[in-house]
Amino acid sequence: MTDKIKLFEIKHAEQIISEGLNDKLMEKDASFSEDTRIFKYSKKGQAFTYFLNDKPVFACGIVQLWDGVAEAWVLAGINVFDIKILAAKTIKRLQDETCKKYKIKRLQTSVKADFKRGIRFATWCGFTNEGLKRKYGPDGSDYYQMSVIY
């Protein structure tokens, strides 16, 4: 078994999406065009892909909105469950290291309101629920605004 973290590239996300995401709830969001996907706005060094046996398992990163504030994102494939504890720890570590490097004081993310696993994971990563964003999702679904303050 070989694993490696690489700088994120759009082709990694496309491969993860094509092989299936970690939850059916995310498929509708992932079906939107490349132009509407948040991960395409991450700058080099602000997003990463985790590979296992030369296949991307998950990608994560931040998109800076302005000085000190960024939006976090995670794209996890179906195979993330094979390494779920390692994946969670790696995502959290990369999140913290990236925020420190880029002097992020507030990191926020949006989590689909009925995505219980996603809410639990964001909470484990230190995010606090700030409230419901009604009809926010590309499919008209509700999302929670969550943030962590560094």
N, C-alpha and C. Protein backbone atom coordinates (compact mmCIF):
# COMPACT_ATOMS: atom_id res chain seq x y z
N MET A 1 0.85 -1.17 0.00
CA MET A 1 0.00 0.00 0.00
C MET A 1 0.90 1.24 0.00
N THR A 2 0.69 2.11 -0.98
CA THR A 2 1.44 3.35 -1.03
C THR A 2 0.48 4.52 -0.95
N ASP A 3 0.84 5.51 -0.15
CA ASP A 3 0.00 6.70 -0.05
C ASP A 3 0.87 7.93 -0.23
N LYS A 4 0.22 9.00 -0.68
CA LYS A 4 0.95 10.22 -0.96
C LYS A 4 -0.01 11.39 -1.01
N ILE A 5 0.45 12.54 -0.53
CA ILE A 5 -0.30 13.78 -0.63
C ILE A 5 0.34 14.62 -1.72
N LYS A 6 -0.48 15.08 -2.66
CA LYS A 6 0.01 15.91 -3.76
C LYS A 6 -0.77 17.22 -3.77
N LEU A 7 -0.21 18.22 -4.43
CA LEU A 7 -0.96 19.44 -4.66
C LEU A 7 -2.17 19.12 -5.52
N PHE A 8 -3.29 19.70 -5.17
CA PHE A 8 -4.56 19.44 -5.85
C PHE A 8 -4.53 19.94 -7.30
N GLU A 9 -5.13 19.13 -8.17
CA GLU A 9 -5.38 19.51 -9.55
C GLU A 9 -6.83 19.16 -9.87
N ILE A 10 -7.46 19.92 -10.75
CA ILE A 10 -8.86 19.68 -11.11
C ILE A 10 -9.07 18.24 -11.57
N LYS A 11 -8.12 17.68 -12.29
CA LYS A 11 -8.28 16.31 -12.78
C LYS A 11 -8.44 15.31 -11.63
N HIS A 12 -7.88 15.61 -10.46
CA HIS A 12 -8.07 14.74 -9.29
C HIS A 12 -9.54 14.72 -8.88
N ALA A 13 -10.15 15.90 -8.85
CA ALA A 13 -11.57 15.99 -8.48
C ALA A 13 -12.44 15.25 -9.49
N GLU A 14 -12.13 15.42 -10.74
CA GLU A 14 -12.92 14.74 -11.78
C GLU A 14 -12.84 13.23 -11.61
N GLN A 15 -11.66 12.73 -11.25
CA GLN A 15 -11.51 11.28 -11.06
C GLN A 15 -12.29 10.82 -9.83
N ILE A 16 -12.20 11.58 -8.74
CA ILE A 16 -12.94 11.22 -7.53
C ILE A 16 -14.44 11.19 -7.83
N ILE A 17 -14.93 12.21 -8.49
CA ILE A 17 -16.36 12.29 -8.82
C ILE A 17 -16.78 11.13 -9.73
N SER A 18 -15.96 10.82 -10.72
CA SER A 18 -16.33 9.76 -11.67
C SER A 18 -16.39 8.39 -11.02
N GLU A 19 -15.61 8.19 -9.96
CA GLU A 19 -15.60 6.88 -9.29
C GLU A 19 -16.66 6.78 -8.20
N GLY A 20 -17.28 7.89 -7.85
CA GLY A 20 -18.34 7.88 -6.85
C GLY A 20 -17.93 8.57 -5.58
N LEU A 21 -18.87 9.34 -5.02
CA LEU A 21 -18.59 10.11 -3.81
C LEU A 21 -18.95 9.31 -2.56
N ASN A 22 -18.55 9.84 -1.42
CA ASN A 22 -18.74 9.13 -0.15
C ASN A 22 -20.18 9.13 0.35
N ASP A 23 -21.06 9.89 -0.31
CA ASP A 23 -22.46 9.90 0.09
C ASP A 23 -23.32 10.33 -1.09
N LYS A 24 -24.44 9.67 -1.26
CA LYS A 24 -25.37 9.98 -2.37
C LYS A 24 -25.86 11.42 -2.31
N LEU A 25 -25.92 12.00 -1.11
CA LEU A 25 -26.38 13.38 -0.96
C LEU A 25 -25.51 14.37 -1.74
N MET A 26 -24.24 14.01 -1.96
CA MET A 26 -23.31 14.93 -2.60
C MET A 26 -23.32 14.84 -4.13
N GLU A 27 -23.97 13.82 -4.67
CA GLU A 27 -23.94 13.62 -6.12
C GLU A 27 -24.56 14.78 -6.90
N LYS A 28 -25.66 15.32 -6.41
CA LYS A 28 -26.30 16.43 -7.11
C LYS A 28 -25.38 17.64 -7.16
N ASP A 29 -24.74 17.96 -6.03
CA ASP A 29 -23.82 19.09 -5.99
C ASP A 29 -22.66 18.87 -6.95
N ALA A 30 -22.13 17.66 -7.00
CA ALA A 30 -20.98 17.34 -7.85
C ALA A 30 -21.34 17.32 -9.33
N SER A 31 -22.62 17.23 -9.64
CA SER A 31 -23.03 17.15 -11.04
C SER A 31 -23.01 18.50 -11.75
N PHE A 32 -22.83 19.59 -11.00
CA PHE A 32 -22.82 20.90 -11.62
C PHE A 32 -21.53 21.13 -12.38
N SER A 33 -21.55 22.08 -13.28
CA SER A 33 -20.41 22.30 -14.17
C SER A 33 -19.16 22.68 -13.40
N GLU A 34 -18.03 22.46 -14.04
CA GLU A 34 -16.75 22.80 -13.44
C GLU A 34 -16.68 24.27 -13.05
N ASP A 35 -17.35 25.13 -13.79
CA ASP A 35 -17.32 26.56 -13.51
C ASP A 35 -17.95 26.93 -12.18
N THR A 36 -18.84 26.10 -11.66
CA THR A 36 -19.53 26.43 -10.41
C THR A 36 -18.93 25.74 -9.19
N ARG A 37 -17.88 24.99 -9.36
CA ARG A 37 -17.30 24.22 -8.26
C ARG A 37 -16.29 25.06 -7.49
N ILE A 38 -16.45 25.09 -6.18
CA ILE A 38 -15.59 25.93 -5.34
C ILE A 38 -14.13 25.52 -5.42
N PHE A 39 -13.85 24.21 -5.55
CA PHE A 39 -12.46 23.79 -5.48
C PHE A 39 -11.60 24.34 -6.60
N LYS A 40 -12.20 24.77 -7.67
CA LYS A 40 -11.39 25.31 -8.77
C LYS A 40 -10.76 26.66 -8.41
N TYR A 41 -11.22 27.29 -7.33
CA TYR A 41 -10.70 28.59 -6.93
C TYR A 41 -9.57 28.52 -5.90
N SER A 42 -9.22 27.32 -5.47
CA SER A 42 -8.10 27.18 -4.55
C SER A 42 -6.80 27.49 -5.28
N LYS A 43 -5.96 28.26 -4.64
CA LYS A 43 -4.67 28.59 -5.23
C LYS A 43 -3.67 27.48 -4.93
N LYS A 44 -2.63 27.40 -5.73
CA LYS A 44 -1.60 26.40 -5.53
C LYS A 44 -1.06 26.51 -4.10
N GLY A 45 -0.98 25.37 -3.44
CA GLY A 45 -0.51 25.33 -2.07
C GLY A 45 -1.62 25.45 -1.04
N GLN A 46 -2.86 25.68 -1.51
CA GLN A 46 -4.00 25.80 -0.59
C GLN A 46 -4.97 24.63 -0.72
N ALA A 47 -4.61 23.63 -1.52
CA ALA A 47 -5.47 22.46 -1.69
C ALA A 47 -4.60 21.25 -2.00
N PHE A 48 -5.09 20.09 -1.54
CA PHE A 48 -4.29 18.87 -1.61
C PHE A 48 -5.17 17.68 -1.97
N THR A 49 -4.53 16.68 -2.55
CA THR A 49 -5.21 15.42 -2.86
C THR A 49 -4.44 14.29 -2.20
N TYR A 50 -5.18 13.40 -1.59
CA TYR A 50 -4.58 12.22 -0.97
C TYR A 50 -4.75 11.04 -1.92
N PHE A 51 -3.63 10.40 -2.25
CA PHE A 51 -3.63 9.25 -3.14
C PHE A 51 -3.31 7.99 -2.36
N LEU A 52 -3.99 6.92 -2.70
CA LEU A 52 -3.72 5.60 -2.16
C LEU A 52 -3.60 4.66 -3.34
N ASN A 53 -2.47 4.00 -3.47
CA ASN A 53 -2.20 3.12 -4.60
C ASN A 53 -2.44 3.84 -5.93
N ASP A 54 -1.95 5.06 -6.02
CA ASP A 54 -2.00 5.90 -7.22
C ASP A 54 -3.41 6.33 -7.64
N LYS A 55 -4.38 6.24 -6.73
CA LYS A 55 -5.74 6.70 -7.02
C LYS A 55 -6.13 7.77 -6.00
N PRO A 56 -6.72 8.88 -6.46
CA PRO A 56 -7.14 9.91 -5.50
C PRO A 56 -8.33 9.43 -4.67
N VAL A 57 -8.19 9.57 -3.35
CA VAL A 57 -9.23 9.13 -2.42
C VAL A 57 -10.05 10.33 -1.94
N PHE A 58 -9.36 11.43 -1.63
CA PHE A 58 -10.05 12.64 -1.23
C PHE A 58 -9.18 13.84 -1.58
N ALA A 59 -9.84 14.98 -1.66
CA ALA A 59 -9.16 16.25 -1.86
C ALA A 59 -9.76 17.24 -0.87
N CYS A 60 -8.95 18.21 -0.46
CA CYS A 60 -9.43 19.22 0.48
C CYS A 60 -8.62 20.49 0.29
N GLY A 61 -9.21 21.59 0.72
CA GLY A 61 -8.49 22.84 0.60
C GLY A 61 -9.29 24.01 1.11
N ILE A 62 -8.72 25.18 0.85
CA ILE A 62 -9.39 26.42 1.23
C ILE A 62 -9.42 27.35 0.02
N VAL A 63 -10.36 28.24 0.03
CA VAL A 63 -10.43 29.33 -0.94
C VAL A 63 -10.47 30.61 -0.13
N GLN A 64 -9.43 31.44 -0.28
CA GLN A 64 -9.40 32.70 0.47
C GLN A 64 -10.42 33.67 -0.11
N LEU A 65 -11.23 34.21 0.78
CA LEU A 65 -12.24 35.20 0.39
C LEU A 65 -11.65 36.60 0.46
N TRP A 66 -10.90 36.87 1.51
CA TRP A 66 -10.13 38.10 1.70
C TRP A 66 -9.15 37.81 2.83
N ASP A 67 -8.32 38.79 3.18
CA ASP A 67 -7.30 38.56 4.21
C ASP A 67 -7.93 38.02 5.48
N GLY A 68 -7.42 36.87 5.91
CA GLY A 68 -7.84 36.29 7.18
C GLY A 68 -9.10 35.45 7.14
N VAL A 69 -9.79 35.39 6.00
CA VAL A 69 -11.05 34.63 5.91
C VAL A 69 -11.01 33.71 4.69
N ALA A 70 -11.41 32.45 4.91
CA ALA A 70 -11.40 31.48 3.82
C ALA A 70 -12.57 30.51 3.95
N GLU A 71 -12.89 29.90 2.84
CA GLU A 71 -13.93 28.88 2.75
C GLU A 71 -13.23 27.52 2.61
N ALA A 72 -13.62 26.55 3.44
CA ALA A 72 -13.05 25.20 3.38
C ALA A 72 -13.91 24.29 2.51
N TRP A 73 -13.27 23.32 1.87
CA TRP A 73 -14.00 22.33 1.09
C TRP A 73 -13.32 20.98 1.21
N VAL A 74 -14.11 19.94 1.07
CA VAL A 74 -13.62 18.56 1.05
C VAL A 74 -14.41 17.82 -0.02
N LEU A 75 -13.71 17.03 -0.79
CA LEU A 75 -14.33 16.16 -1.79
C LEU A 75 -13.81 14.75 -1.52
N ALA A 76 -14.68 13.89 -1.03
CA ALA A 76 -14.27 12.54 -0.64
C ALA A 76 -14.94 11.50 -1.52
N GLY A 77 -14.13 10.57 -1.99
CA GLY A 77 -14.64 9.48 -2.82
C GLY A 77 -15.15 8.32 -1.98
N ILE A 78 -15.74 7.38 -2.65
CA ILE A 78 -16.32 6.21 -2.00
C ILE A 78 -15.28 5.41 -1.23
N ASN A 79 -14.03 5.44 -1.67
CA ASN A 79 -12.97 4.66 -1.01
C ASN A 79 -12.45 5.30 0.26
N VAL A 80 -12.93 6.47 0.61
CA VAL A 80 -12.47 7.13 1.84
C VAL A 80 -12.79 6.29 3.07
N PHE A 81 -13.81 5.46 2.99
CA PHE A 81 -14.19 4.64 4.14
C PHE A 81 -13.15 3.58 4.46
N ASP A 82 -12.30 3.24 3.48
CA ASP A 82 -11.23 2.28 3.71
C ASP A 82 -10.16 2.84 4.64
N ILE A 83 -10.08 4.18 4.70
CA ILE A 83 -9.06 4.84 5.52
C ILE A 83 -9.68 5.99 6.31
N LYS A 84 -10.90 5.82 6.80
CA LYS A 84 -11.66 6.95 7.34
C LYS A 84 -10.96 7.66 8.50
N ILE A 85 -10.31 6.96 9.40
CA ILE A 85 -9.64 7.64 10.52
C ILE A 85 -8.42 8.39 10.02
N LEU A 86 -7.61 7.75 9.18
CA LEU A 86 -6.45 8.42 8.59
C LEU A 86 -6.89 9.62 7.76
N ALA A 87 -7.95 9.48 7.00
CA ALA A 87 -8.46 10.58 6.17
C ALA A 87 -8.89 11.76 7.04
N ALA A 88 -9.65 11.49 8.08
CA ALA A 88 -10.12 12.56 8.96
C ALA A 88 -8.95 13.31 9.59
N LYS A 89 -7.98 12.57 10.11
CA LYS A 89 -6.82 13.20 10.74
C LYS A 89 -6.00 14.00 9.73
N THR A 90 -5.87 13.47 8.52
CA THR A 90 -5.09 14.15 7.48
C THR A 90 -5.78 15.43 7.04
N ILE A 91 -7.08 15.38 6.83
CA ILE A 91 -7.84 16.58 6.44
C ILE A 91 -7.72 17.66 7.53
N LYS A 92 -7.89 17.27 8.78
CA LYS A 92 -7.79 18.23 9.89
C LYS A 92 -6.39 18.83 9.96
N ARG A 93 -5.37 18.01 9.82
CA ARG A 93 -3.98 18.49 9.86
C ARG A 93 -3.70 19.46 8.71
N LEU A 94 -4.12 19.09 7.50
CA LEU A 94 -3.90 19.97 6.34
C LEU A 94 -4.67 21.28 6.51
N GLN A 95 -5.89 21.21 7.03
CA GLN A 95 -6.70 22.41 7.28
C GLN A 95 -5.97 23.34 8.23
N ASP A 96 -5.50 22.80 9.34
CA ASP A 96 -4.84 23.63 10.35
C ASP A 96 -3.52 24.21 9.83
N GLU A 97 -2.73 23.38 9.16
CA GLU A 97 -1.45 23.85 8.63
C GLU A 97 -1.63 24.93 7.57
N THR A 98 -2.60 24.74 6.69
CA THR A 98 -2.85 25.72 5.63
C THR A 98 -3.34 27.04 6.21
N CYS A 99 -4.24 26.96 7.19
CA CYS A 99 -4.75 28.19 7.81
C CYS A 99 -3.63 28.93 8.53
N LYS A 100 -2.75 28.21 9.19
CA LYS A 100 -1.62 28.86 9.86
C LYS A 100 -0.70 29.52 8.84
N LYS A 101 -0.36 28.80 7.78
CA LYS A 101 0.55 29.32 6.76
C LYS A 101 0.01 30.59 6.11
N TYR A 102 -1.30 30.63 5.84
CA TYR A 102 -1.90 31.77 5.15
C TYR A 102 -2.58 32.76 6.10
N LYS A 103 -2.32 32.61 7.40
CA LYS A 103 -2.82 33.53 8.43
C LYS A 103 -4.34 33.70 8.38
N ILE A 104 -5.03 32.56 8.28
CA ILE A 104 -6.49 32.55 8.28
C ILE A 104 -6.98 32.62 9.72
N LYS A 105 -7.84 33.58 10.01
CA LYS A 105 -8.42 33.73 11.35
C LYS A 105 -9.79 33.07 11.43
N ARG A 106 -10.50 33.10 10.30
CA ARG A 106 -11.84 32.50 10.24
C ARG A 106 -11.89 31.58 9.02
N LEU A 107 -12.21 30.31 9.28
CA LEU A 107 -12.42 29.35 8.21
C LEU A 107 -13.88 28.93 8.28
N GLN A 108 -14.58 29.05 7.17
CA GLN A 108 -16.00 28.70 7.17
C GLN A 108 -16.27 27.65 6.10
N THR A 109 -17.40 26.98 6.25
CA THR A 109 -17.81 26.00 5.27
C THR A 109 -19.34 25.88 5.32
N SER A 110 -19.89 25.34 4.27
CA SER A 110 -21.32 25.07 4.21
C SER A 110 -21.51 23.55 4.16
N VAL A 111 -22.41 23.05 5.01
CA VAL A 111 -22.66 21.61 5.07
C VAL A 111 -24.15 21.38 4.87
N LYS A 112 -24.49 20.51 3.93
CA LYS A 112 -25.88 20.18 3.65
C LYS A 112 -26.58 19.79 4.95
N ALA A 113 -27.73 20.38 5.22
CA ALA A 113 -28.42 20.22 6.50
C ALA A 113 -28.80 18.77 6.81
N ASP A 114 -29.06 17.97 5.78
CA ASP A 114 -29.42 16.57 6.05
C ASP A 114 -28.23 15.61 5.90
N PHE A 115 -27.03 16.15 5.80
CA PHE A 115 -25.81 15.34 5.69
C PHE A 115 -25.21 15.18 7.09
N LYS A 116 -25.81 14.28 7.86
CA LYS A 116 -25.44 14.10 9.27
C LYS A 116 -23.95 13.77 9.44
N ARG A 117 -23.43 12.90 8.58
CA ARG A 117 -22.02 12.52 8.66
C ARG A 117 -21.13 13.74 8.42
N GLY A 118 -21.53 14.61 7.48
CA GLY A 118 -20.76 15.82 7.18
C GLY A 118 -20.78 16.81 8.33
N ILE A 119 -21.92 16.95 8.97
CA ILE A 119 -22.04 17.84 10.13
C ILE A 119 -21.17 17.32 11.27
N ARG A 120 -21.22 16.01 11.50
CA ARG A 120 -20.41 15.39 12.56
C ARG A 120 -18.92 15.57 12.27
N PHE A 121 -18.52 15.40 11.00
CA PHE A 121 -17.12 15.57 10.63
C PHE A 121 -16.66 17.02 10.80
N ALA A 122 -17.47 17.96 10.32
CA ALA A 122 -17.11 19.38 10.46
C ALA A 122 -16.97 19.75 11.93
N THR A 123 -17.86 19.27 12.76
CA THR A 123 -17.79 19.53 14.20
C THR A 123 -16.51 18.94 14.77
N TRP A 124 -16.16 17.73 14.38
CA TRP A 124 -14.92 17.10 14.83
C TRP A 124 -13.70 17.92 14.41
N CYS A 125 -13.78 18.57 13.26
CA CYS A 125 -12.68 19.42 12.77
C CYS A 125 -12.64 20.78 13.46
N GLY A 126 -13.57 21.03 14.37
CA GLY A 126 -13.55 22.27 15.14
C GLY A 126 -14.55 23.32 14.70
N PHE A 127 -15.37 23.01 13.69
CA PHE A 127 -16.35 23.97 13.19
C PHE A 127 -17.56 24.04 14.13
N THR A 128 -18.12 25.23 14.24
CA THR A 128 -19.33 25.47 15.03
C THR A 128 -20.45 25.87 14.07
N ASN A 129 -21.63 25.35 14.32
CA ASN A 129 -22.80 25.66 13.50
C ASN A 129 -23.26 27.09 13.80
N GLU A 130 -23.31 27.92 12.78
CA GLU A 130 -23.73 29.32 12.94
C GLU A 130 -25.16 29.57 12.50
N GLY A 131 -25.77 28.60 11.86
CA GLY A 131 -27.15 28.80 11.46
C GLY A 131 -27.49 28.20 10.11
N LEU A 132 -28.78 28.16 9.83
CA LEU A 132 -29.30 27.54 8.62
C LEU A 132 -29.37 28.53 7.46
N LYS A 133 -28.88 28.09 6.31
CA LYS A 133 -28.99 28.88 5.07
C LYS A 133 -30.04 28.17 4.21
N ARG A 134 -31.24 28.71 4.22
CA ARG A 134 -32.37 28.07 3.53
C ARG A 134 -32.25 28.22 2.02
N LYS A 135 -32.54 27.12 1.32
CA LYS A 135 -32.52 27.08 -0.15
C LYS A 135 -31.17 27.48 -0.73
N TYR A 136 -30.10 27.22 -0.02
CA TYR A 136 -28.76 27.64 -0.41
C TYR A 136 -28.14 26.75 -1.48
N GLY A 137 -28.38 25.46 -1.41
CA GLY A 137 -27.71 24.50 -2.30
C GLY A 137 -28.12 24.61 -3.75
N PRO A 138 -27.26 24.10 -4.65
CA PRO A 138 -27.57 24.15 -6.07
C PRO A 138 -28.85 23.38 -6.43
N ASP A 139 -29.26 22.49 -5.54
CA ASP A 139 -30.50 21.74 -5.75
C ASP A 139 -31.65 22.31 -4.91
N GLY A 140 -31.43 23.48 -4.30
CA GLY A 140 -32.46 24.11 -3.48
C GLY A 140 -32.50 23.61 -2.05
N SER A 141 -31.53 22.78 -1.67
CA SER A 141 -31.52 22.24 -0.31
C SER A 141 -30.97 23.25 0.69
N ASP A 142 -31.27 22.99 1.95
CA ASP A 142 -30.78 23.83 3.05
C ASP A 142 -29.39 23.38 3.46
N TYR A 143 -28.58 24.34 3.88
CA TYR A 143 -27.22 24.09 4.36
C TYR A 143 -27.02 24.81 5.68
N TYR A 144 -26.11 24.30 6.48
CA TYR A 144 -25.67 25.01 7.66
C TYR A 144 -24.39 25.77 7.34
N GLN A 145 -24.29 26.98 7.86
CA GLN A 145 -23.05 27.75 7.82
C GLN A 145 -22.28 27.35 9.07
N MET A 146 -21.05 26.89 8.88
CA MET A 146 -20.22 26.47 10.00
C MET A 146 -18.88 27.18 9.91
N SER A 147 -18.27 27.45 11.05
CA SER A 147 -16.98 28.12 11.04
C SER A 147 -16.11 27.67 12.20
N VAL A 148 -14.81 27.89 12.02
CA VAL A 148 -13.83 27.68 13.09
C VAL A 148 -12.98 28.95 13.12
N ILE A 149 -12.71 29.41 14.33
CA ILE A 149 -11.91 30.62 14.51
C ILE A 149 -10.53 30.19 15.02
N TYR A 150 -9.50 30.70 14.36
CA TYR A 150 -8.12 30.38 14.76
C TYR A 150 -7.52 31.52 15.54
